[in-house]
Amino acid sequence: MPSCGSLHPLIKTLKSEYGDRLKVVFYQFPLIVPHKNALTAAHAAIAAKQQGKFWEMHNMLYENQAAWSELPDLRPVVTNFAIQLGLDVNRFVKDLDSPDIAAMVEADMQRGANFRVTSTPTLFINGQPVPNEKISLDYFRNEINERLK
């Protein structure tokens, strides 16, 4: 099974190839064990979403995951990402600790639990789960092309 970090380039490739014909929806399902910074990363992505920069923060998180995944405190890193993205940093930092953001992440996690998600990444096409052993660029291209006919 690919890790979420290794899946990121695949999704980015598909988004660039299919553009508006492909809708990618991302739900947070942070696995705190073994990923100690996953919850903070999820909060950072949703805090950036509040300012219209979800995908930009998402991309920065995944593209730099090796540098921050084992840090004792992710906050300085995501705050720096917020600066780089031109976000209102005071609002971002406030939102990072907001009960509303926590509730949004929890709602995503509950949605995942309702769909029997137990590991990440878990992918769906039109509401149907994709078996982990099928996750590949070729598989997704074939599936997308079939649905676009």
N, C-alpha and C. Protein backbone atom coordinates (compact mmCIF):
# COMPACT_ATOMS: atom_id res chain seq x y z
N MET A 1 0.84 -1.18 0.00
CA MET A 1 0.00 0.00 0.00
C MET A 1 0.89 1.24 0.00
N PRO A 2 0.59 2.22 -0.86
CA PRO A 2 1.39 3.44 -0.86
C PRO A 2 1.08 4.28 0.37
N SER A 3 2.05 5.05 0.80
CA SER A 3 1.78 5.99 1.89
C SER A 3 1.08 7.21 1.31
N CYS A 4 0.49 8.00 2.19
CA CYS A 4 -0.18 9.22 1.72
C CYS A 4 0.81 10.12 1.00
N GLY A 5 2.02 10.22 1.56
CA GLY A 5 3.03 11.08 0.95
C GLY A 5 3.41 10.63 -0.45
N SER A 6 3.51 9.32 -0.65
CA SER A 6 3.88 8.83 -1.98
C SER A 6 2.70 8.88 -2.95
N LEU A 7 1.50 8.96 -2.42
CA LEU A 7 0.32 9.06 -3.28
C LEU A 7 0.13 10.49 -3.80
N HIS A 8 0.64 11.45 -3.07
CA HIS A 8 0.47 12.85 -3.43
C HIS A 8 0.88 13.15 -4.88
N PRO A 9 2.05 12.70 -5.36
CA PRO A 9 2.41 13.00 -6.76
C PRO A 9 1.44 12.36 -7.76
N LEU A 10 0.90 11.20 -7.44
CA LEU A 10 -0.06 10.55 -8.33
C LEU A 10 -1.31 11.41 -8.48
N ILE A 11 -1.85 11.87 -7.37
CA ILE A 11 -3.06 12.70 -7.40
C ILE A 11 -2.77 14.01 -8.12
N LYS A 12 -1.61 14.59 -7.84
CA LYS A 12 -1.24 15.85 -8.49
C LYS A 12 -1.13 15.67 -10.01
N THR A 13 -0.57 14.56 -10.44
CA THR A 13 -0.46 14.25 -11.87
C THR A 13 -1.84 14.13 -12.49
N LEU A 14 -2.72 13.38 -11.84
CA LEU A 14 -4.07 13.21 -12.38
C LEU A 14 -4.81 14.55 -12.46
N LYS A 15 -4.67 15.37 -11.44
CA LYS A 15 -5.32 16.68 -11.46
C LYS A 15 -4.80 17.53 -12.61
N SER A 16 -3.49 17.45 -12.87
CA SER A 16 -2.93 18.25 -13.97
C SER A 16 -3.36 17.70 -15.33
N GLU A 17 -3.49 16.39 -15.44
CA GLU A 17 -3.88 15.79 -16.73
C GLU A 17 -5.35 15.98 -17.05
N TYR A 18 -6.21 15.91 -16.05
CA TYR A 18 -7.65 15.94 -16.30
C TYR A 18 -8.30 17.28 -15.98
N GLY A 19 -7.60 18.14 -15.30
CA GLY A 19 -8.12 19.48 -15.01
C GLY A 19 -9.49 19.45 -14.37
N ASP A 20 -10.39 20.26 -14.90
CA ASP A 20 -11.74 20.40 -14.34
C ASP A 20 -12.62 19.17 -14.56
N ARG A 21 -12.17 18.25 -15.39
CA ARG A 21 -12.97 17.04 -15.62
C ARG A 21 -12.86 16.06 -14.45
N LEU A 22 -11.91 16.30 -13.56
CA LEU A 22 -11.69 15.44 -12.41
C LEU A 22 -11.91 16.23 -11.14
N LYS A 23 -12.78 15.74 -10.29
CA LYS A 23 -13.02 16.38 -9.00
C LYS A 23 -12.37 15.51 -7.92
N VAL A 24 -11.42 16.10 -7.22
CA VAL A 24 -10.76 15.41 -6.12
C VAL A 24 -11.27 16.02 -4.82
N VAL A 25 -11.77 15.18 -3.95
CA VAL A 25 -12.25 15.61 -2.64
C VAL A 25 -11.37 14.95 -1.60
N PHE A 26 -10.84 15.73 -0.70
CA PHE A 26 -9.92 15.24 0.32
C PHE A 26 -10.58 15.37 1.68
N TYR A 27 -10.63 14.28 2.41
CA TYR A 27 -11.12 14.30 3.78
C TYR A 27 -9.97 13.97 4.71
N GLN A 28 -9.96 14.64 5.84
CA GLN A 28 -8.91 14.42 6.84
C GLN A 28 -9.17 13.12 7.60
N PHE A 29 -8.15 12.32 7.75
CA PHE A 29 -8.22 11.10 8.56
C PHE A 29 -6.83 10.87 9.17
N PRO A 30 -6.40 11.82 10.04
CA PRO A 30 -5.04 11.74 10.57
C PRO A 30 -4.85 10.54 11.49
N LEU A 31 -3.85 9.75 11.18
CA LEU A 31 -3.49 8.62 12.03
C LEU A 31 -2.38 9.08 12.97
N ILE A 32 -2.77 9.40 14.18
CA ILE A 32 -1.83 9.97 15.13
C ILE A 32 -0.75 8.96 15.50
N VAL A 33 -1.11 7.71 15.53
CA VAL A 33 -0.12 6.65 15.71
C VAL A 33 -0.01 5.99 14.35
N PRO A 34 1.09 6.02 13.69
CA PRO A 34 2.43 6.39 14.13
C PRO A 34 2.84 7.80 13.73
N HIS A 35 1.93 8.63 13.25
CA HIS A 35 2.28 9.96 12.72
C HIS A 35 1.92 11.04 13.74
N LYS A 36 2.88 11.37 14.61
CA LYS A 36 2.60 12.28 15.72
C LYS A 36 2.18 13.68 15.29
N ASN A 37 2.56 14.10 14.09
CA ASN A 37 2.21 15.44 13.62
C ASN A 37 1.00 15.46 12.68
N ALA A 38 0.39 14.32 12.47
CA ALA A 38 -0.72 14.22 11.51
C ALA A 38 -1.90 15.11 11.89
N LEU A 39 -2.24 15.16 13.15
CA LEU A 39 -3.39 15.96 13.57
C LEU A 39 -3.13 17.45 13.36
N THR A 40 -1.94 17.90 13.72
CA THR A 40 -1.60 19.31 13.50
C THR A 40 -1.59 19.63 12.01
N ALA A 41 -1.08 18.71 11.20
CA ALA A 41 -1.08 18.91 9.75
C ALA A 41 -2.50 19.02 9.22
N ALA A 42 -3.39 18.17 9.71
CA ALA A 42 -4.79 18.23 9.29
C ALA A 42 -5.41 19.57 9.67
N HIS A 43 -5.13 20.03 10.89
CA HIS A 43 -5.66 21.32 11.34
C HIS A 43 -5.10 22.45 10.47
N ALA A 44 -3.81 22.36 10.11
CA ALA A 44 -3.20 23.40 9.28
C ALA A 44 -3.86 23.46 7.90
N ALA A 45 -4.14 22.31 7.32
CA ALA A 45 -4.79 22.30 6.00
C ALA A 45 -6.18 22.92 6.07
N ILE A 46 -6.93 22.59 7.11
CA ILE A 46 -8.28 23.16 7.25
C ILE A 46 -8.21 24.64 7.61
N ALA A 47 -7.24 25.03 8.41
CA ALA A 47 -7.07 26.46 8.72
C ALA A 47 -6.75 27.24 7.45
N ALA A 48 -5.92 26.67 6.58
CA ALA A 48 -5.62 27.33 5.30
C ALA A 48 -6.85 27.36 4.40
N LYS A 49 -7.66 26.31 4.48
CA LYS A 49 -8.91 26.26 3.69
C LYS A 49 -9.83 27.43 4.04
N GLN A 50 -9.81 27.84 5.30
CA GLN A 50 -10.64 28.97 5.72
C GLN A 50 -10.27 30.26 5.00
N GLN A 51 -9.06 30.28 4.42
CA GLN A 51 -8.60 31.44 3.67
C GLN A 51 -8.44 31.11 2.18
N GLY A 52 -9.07 30.01 1.75
CA GLY A 52 -9.07 29.66 0.33
C GLY A 52 -7.78 29.05 -0.17
N LYS A 53 -6.97 28.49 0.72
CA LYS A 53 -5.66 27.96 0.30
C LYS A 53 -5.45 26.51 0.76
N PHE A 54 -6.54 25.71 0.75
CA PHE A 54 -6.40 24.32 1.19
C PHE A 54 -5.39 23.55 0.36
N TRP A 55 -5.59 23.53 -0.96
CA TRP A 55 -4.72 22.70 -1.80
C TRP A 55 -3.28 23.18 -1.76
N GLU A 56 -3.08 24.48 -1.64
CA GLU A 56 -1.73 25.00 -1.56
C GLU A 56 -1.02 24.52 -0.28
N MET A 57 -1.75 24.58 0.85
CA MET A 57 -1.18 24.09 2.11
C MET A 57 -1.01 22.58 2.05
N HIS A 58 -2.00 21.89 1.52
CA HIS A 58 -1.94 20.44 1.35
C HIS A 58 -0.67 20.05 0.58
N ASN A 59 -0.44 20.73 -0.53
CA ASN A 59 0.74 20.43 -1.34
C ASN A 59 2.03 20.69 -0.57
N MET A 60 2.10 21.81 0.13
CA MET A 60 3.31 22.12 0.89
C MET A 60 3.57 21.07 1.97
N LEU A 61 2.50 20.65 2.63
CA LEU A 61 2.65 19.64 3.67
C LEU A 61 3.20 18.34 3.10
N TYR A 62 2.60 17.86 2.02
CA TYR A 62 3.05 16.58 1.46
C TYR A 62 4.42 16.69 0.79
N GLU A 63 4.69 17.78 0.13
CA GLU A 63 5.97 17.92 -0.56
C GLU A 63 7.14 18.11 0.40
N ASN A 64 6.84 18.48 1.64
CA ASN A 64 7.89 18.69 2.64
C ASN A 64 7.76 17.73 3.82
N GLN A 65 6.97 16.70 3.67
CA GLN A 65 6.66 15.79 4.78
C GLN A 65 7.91 15.18 5.41
N ALA A 66 8.88 14.80 4.62
CA ALA A 66 10.09 14.19 5.17
C ALA A 66 10.81 15.14 6.12
N ALA A 67 10.72 16.43 5.89
CA ALA A 67 11.43 17.41 6.72
C ALA A 67 10.72 17.67 8.05
N TRP A 68 9.39 17.48 8.10
CA TRP A 68 8.68 17.84 9.32
C TRP A 68 8.04 16.68 10.08
N SER A 69 7.96 15.52 9.47
CA SER A 69 7.17 14.43 10.06
C SER A 69 7.62 14.03 11.47
N GLU A 70 8.90 14.14 11.76
CA GLU A 70 9.39 13.72 13.07
C GLU A 70 9.74 14.88 14.01
N LEU A 71 9.43 16.09 13.59
CA LEU A 71 9.74 17.24 14.44
C LEU A 71 8.92 17.19 15.73
N PRO A 72 9.47 17.72 16.81
CA PRO A 72 8.71 17.74 18.06
C PRO A 72 7.52 18.71 18.02
N ASP A 73 7.59 19.74 17.17
CA ASP A 73 6.51 20.73 17.09
C ASP A 73 6.37 21.19 15.64
N LEU A 74 5.25 20.89 15.05
CA LEU A 74 4.99 21.25 13.65
C LEU A 74 4.56 22.70 13.47
N ARG A 75 4.12 23.33 14.54
CA ARG A 75 3.55 24.68 14.44
C ARG A 75 4.45 25.71 13.74
N PRO A 76 5.73 25.79 14.08
CA PRO A 76 6.58 26.78 13.38
C PRO A 76 6.65 26.51 11.87
N VAL A 77 6.65 25.26 11.49
CA VAL A 77 6.72 24.90 10.07
C VAL A 77 5.46 25.33 9.35
N VAL A 78 4.28 24.99 9.90
CA VAL A 78 3.04 25.34 9.20
C VAL A 78 2.80 26.84 9.23
N THR A 79 3.28 27.51 10.27
CA THR A 79 3.18 28.97 10.31
C THR A 79 4.04 29.57 9.20
N ASN A 80 5.23 29.02 8.99
CA ASN A 80 6.07 29.47 7.89
C ASN A 80 5.40 29.20 6.54
N PHE A 81 4.76 28.05 6.40
CA PHE A 81 4.02 27.76 5.17
C PHE A 81 2.92 28.80 4.96
N ALA A 82 2.23 29.16 6.03
CA ALA A 82 1.16 30.17 5.94
C ALA A 82 1.71 31.50 5.45
N ILE A 83 2.89 31.87 5.94
CA ILE A 83 3.54 33.10 5.49
C ILE A 83 3.84 33.00 4.00
N GLN A 84 4.44 31.88 3.59
CA GLN A 84 4.79 31.68 2.18
C GLN A 84 3.55 31.74 1.27
N LEU A 85 2.42 31.29 1.80
CA LEU A 85 1.18 31.28 1.00
C LEU A 85 0.44 32.62 1.04
N GLY A 86 0.97 33.56 1.80
CA GLY A 86 0.34 34.88 1.87
C GLY A 86 -0.94 34.89 2.70
N LEU A 87 -1.06 33.95 3.63
CA LEU A 87 -2.24 33.92 4.48
C LEU A 87 -2.15 35.00 5.56
N ASP A 88 -3.29 35.34 6.11
CA ASP A 88 -3.33 36.18 7.29
C ASP A 88 -2.83 35.29 8.42
N VAL A 89 -1.58 35.47 8.83
CA VAL A 89 -0.92 34.54 9.76
C VAL A 89 -1.58 34.56 11.13
N ASN A 90 -1.98 35.73 11.60
CA ASN A 90 -2.65 35.78 12.91
C ASN A 90 -3.93 34.97 12.89
N ARG A 91 -4.69 35.11 11.84
CA ARG A 91 -5.92 34.33 11.70
C ARG A 91 -5.60 32.83 11.59
N PHE A 92 -4.59 32.50 10.80
CA PHE A 92 -4.19 31.10 10.63
C PHE A 92 -3.83 30.47 11.97
N VAL A 93 -2.99 31.15 12.76
CA VAL A 93 -2.55 30.62 14.06
C VAL A 93 -3.76 30.47 14.99
N LYS A 94 -4.65 31.45 14.97
CA LYS A 94 -5.86 31.37 15.79
C LYS A 94 -6.72 30.18 15.34
N ASP A 95 -6.90 30.04 14.03
CA ASP A 95 -7.71 28.94 13.51
C ASP A 95 -7.09 27.57 13.79
N LEU A 96 -5.79 27.51 13.83
CA LEU A 96 -5.09 26.25 14.10
C LEU A 96 -5.56 25.63 15.41
N ASP A 97 -5.87 26.46 16.39
CA ASP A 97 -6.32 26.00 17.71
C ASP A 97 -7.83 26.13 17.90
N SER A 98 -8.52 26.51 16.86
CA SER A 98 -9.95 26.75 16.96
C SER A 98 -10.75 25.47 17.18
N PRO A 99 -11.73 25.52 18.09
CA PRO A 99 -12.63 24.37 18.24
C PRO A 99 -13.40 24.07 16.95
N ASP A 100 -13.65 25.10 16.13
CA ASP A 100 -14.35 24.89 14.87
C ASP A 100 -13.51 24.04 13.91
N ILE A 101 -12.22 24.33 13.84
CA ILE A 101 -11.32 23.54 12.99
C ILE A 101 -11.24 22.11 13.52
N ALA A 102 -11.10 21.97 14.83
CA ALA A 102 -11.06 20.64 15.44
C ALA A 102 -12.33 19.87 15.11
N ALA A 103 -13.48 20.55 15.14
CA ALA A 103 -14.75 19.89 14.83
C ALA A 103 -14.82 19.47 13.36
N MET A 104 -14.25 20.28 12.46
CA MET A 104 -14.24 19.92 11.04
C MET A 104 -13.39 18.68 10.79
N VAL A 105 -12.23 18.63 11.44
CA VAL A 105 -11.36 17.46 11.29
C VAL A 105 -12.05 16.24 11.88
N GLU A 106 -12.67 16.40 13.04
CA GLU A 106 -13.38 15.29 13.68
C GLU A 106 -14.53 14.81 12.79
N ALA A 107 -15.24 15.73 12.16
CA ALA A 107 -16.34 15.34 11.25
C ALA A 107 -15.80 14.52 10.08
N ASP A 108 -14.65 14.93 9.54
CA ASP A 108 -14.03 14.15 8.46
C ASP A 108 -13.66 12.76 8.95
N MET A 109 -13.11 12.69 10.15
CA MET A 109 -12.71 11.39 10.70
C MET A 109 -13.94 10.50 10.92
N GLN A 110 -15.03 11.12 11.37
CA GLN A 110 -16.26 10.35 11.58
C GLN A 110 -16.81 9.86 10.24
N ARG A 111 -16.73 10.70 9.22
CA ARG A 111 -17.15 10.30 7.87
C ARG A 111 -16.34 9.08 7.42
N GLY A 112 -15.04 9.13 7.64
CA GLY A 112 -14.18 8.00 7.29
C GLY A 112 -14.58 6.74 8.05
N ALA A 113 -14.83 6.90 9.34
CA ALA A 113 -15.25 5.74 10.14
C ALA A 113 -16.56 5.17 9.61
N ASN A 114 -17.48 6.05 9.19
CA ASN A 114 -18.76 5.59 8.64
C ASN A 114 -18.57 4.80 7.35
N PHE A 115 -17.51 5.13 6.60
CA PHE A 115 -17.19 4.41 5.36
C PHE A 115 -16.21 3.26 5.62
N ARG A 116 -16.01 2.96 6.89
CA ARG A 116 -15.14 1.86 7.32
C ARG A 116 -13.67 2.05 6.91
N VAL A 117 -13.24 3.29 6.90
CA VAL A 117 -11.83 3.58 6.64
C VAL A 117 -11.04 3.19 7.88
N THR A 118 -9.98 2.41 7.68
CA THR A 118 -9.15 1.99 8.81
C THR A 118 -7.68 2.32 8.59
N SER A 119 -7.34 2.74 7.37
CA SER A 119 -5.95 3.06 7.07
C SER A 119 -5.92 4.18 6.05
N THR A 120 -4.75 4.77 5.93
CA THR A 120 -4.58 5.80 4.92
C THR A 120 -3.40 5.44 4.05
N PRO A 121 -3.46 5.80 2.80
CA PRO A 121 -4.59 6.45 2.16
C PRO A 121 -5.71 5.45 1.86
N THR A 122 -6.90 5.94 1.83
CA THR A 122 -8.05 5.18 1.36
C THR A 122 -8.68 6.03 0.28
N LEU A 123 -8.85 5.44 -0.89
CA LEU A 123 -9.38 6.17 -2.04
C LEU A 123 -10.70 5.59 -2.49
N PHE A 124 -11.54 6.49 -2.99
CA PHE A 124 -12.84 6.10 -3.53
C PHE A 124 -12.98 6.72 -4.91
N ILE A 125 -13.64 6.01 -5.79
CA ILE A 125 -14.05 6.57 -7.09
C ILE A 125 -15.55 6.48 -7.13
N ASN A 126 -16.20 7.62 -7.24
CA ASN A 126 -17.66 7.68 -7.25
C ASN A 126 -18.25 6.91 -6.07
N GLY A 127 -17.65 7.05 -4.90
CA GLY A 127 -18.18 6.44 -3.69
C GLY A 127 -17.80 4.99 -3.47
N GLN A 128 -17.07 4.41 -4.39
CA GLN A 128 -16.66 3.01 -4.26
C GLN A 128 -15.19 2.94 -3.87
N PRO A 129 -14.86 2.14 -2.84
CA PRO A 129 -13.46 2.06 -2.43
C PRO A 129 -12.59 1.40 -3.49
N VAL A 130 -11.36 1.90 -3.60
CA VAL A 130 -10.38 1.34 -4.52
C VAL A 130 -9.47 0.42 -3.70
N PRO A 131 -9.39 -0.86 -4.06
CA PRO A 131 -8.49 -1.76 -3.32
C PRO A 131 -7.05 -1.24 -3.38
N ASN A 132 -6.37 -1.28 -2.25
CA ASN A 132 -5.01 -0.74 -2.15
C ASN A 132 -4.07 -1.32 -3.19
N GLU A 133 -4.23 -2.59 -3.52
CA GLU A 133 -3.31 -3.21 -4.48
C GLU A 133 -3.52 -2.69 -5.90
N LYS A 134 -4.62 -1.99 -6.13
CA LYS A 134 -4.88 -1.44 -7.47
C LYS A 134 -4.41 0.01 -7.62
N ILE A 135 -4.01 0.62 -6.53
CA ILE A 135 -3.64 2.03 -6.58
C ILE A 135 -2.38 2.22 -7.43
N SER A 136 -2.60 2.83 -8.60
CA SER A 136 -1.50 3.16 -9.51
C SER A 136 -2.00 4.21 -10.49
N LEU A 137 -1.08 4.89 -11.13
CA LEU A 137 -1.44 5.91 -12.11
C LEU A 137 -2.22 5.30 -13.26
N ASP A 138 -1.76 4.15 -13.76
CA ASP A 138 -2.46 3.49 -14.88
C ASP A 138 -3.88 3.09 -14.50
N TYR A 139 -4.05 2.53 -13.30
CA TYR A 139 -5.38 2.14 -12.86
C TYR A 139 -6.32 3.33 -12.84
N PHE A 140 -5.87 4.44 -12.25
CA PHE A 140 -6.73 5.61 -12.16
C PHE A 140 -7.01 6.22 -13.53
N ARG A 141 -6.02 6.25 -14.39
CA ARG A 141 -6.27 6.76 -15.75
C ARG A 141 -7.35 5.93 -16.44
N ASN A 142 -7.24 4.61 -16.35
CA ASN A 142 -8.24 3.74 -16.97
C ASN A 142 -9.63 3.98 -16.38
N GLU A 143 -9.71 4.05 -15.07
CA GLU A 143 -11.00 4.25 -14.40
C GLU A 143 -11.61 5.62 -14.78
N ILE A 144 -10.79 6.63 -14.76
CA ILE A 144 -11.27 7.98 -15.10
C ILE A 144 -11.72 8.03 -16.56
N ASN A 145 -10.90 7.47 -17.45
CA ASN A 145 -11.26 7.49 -18.88
C ASN A 145 -12.56 6.75 -19.13
N GLU A 146 -12.79 5.63 -18.43
CA GLU A 146 -14.04 4.90 -18.58
C GLU A 146 -15.23 5.76 -18.16
N ARG A 147 -15.08 6.48 -17.09
CA ARG A 147 -16.18 7.29 -16.57
C ARG A 147 -16.40 8.56 -17.40
N LEU A 148 -15.38 8.99 -18.12
CA LEU A 148 -15.52 10.20 -18.93
C LEU A 148 -16.13 9.92 -20.31
N LYS A 149 -16.27 8.64 -20.65
CA LYS A 149 -16.85 8.30 -21.96
C LYS A 149 -18.30 8.72 -22.05
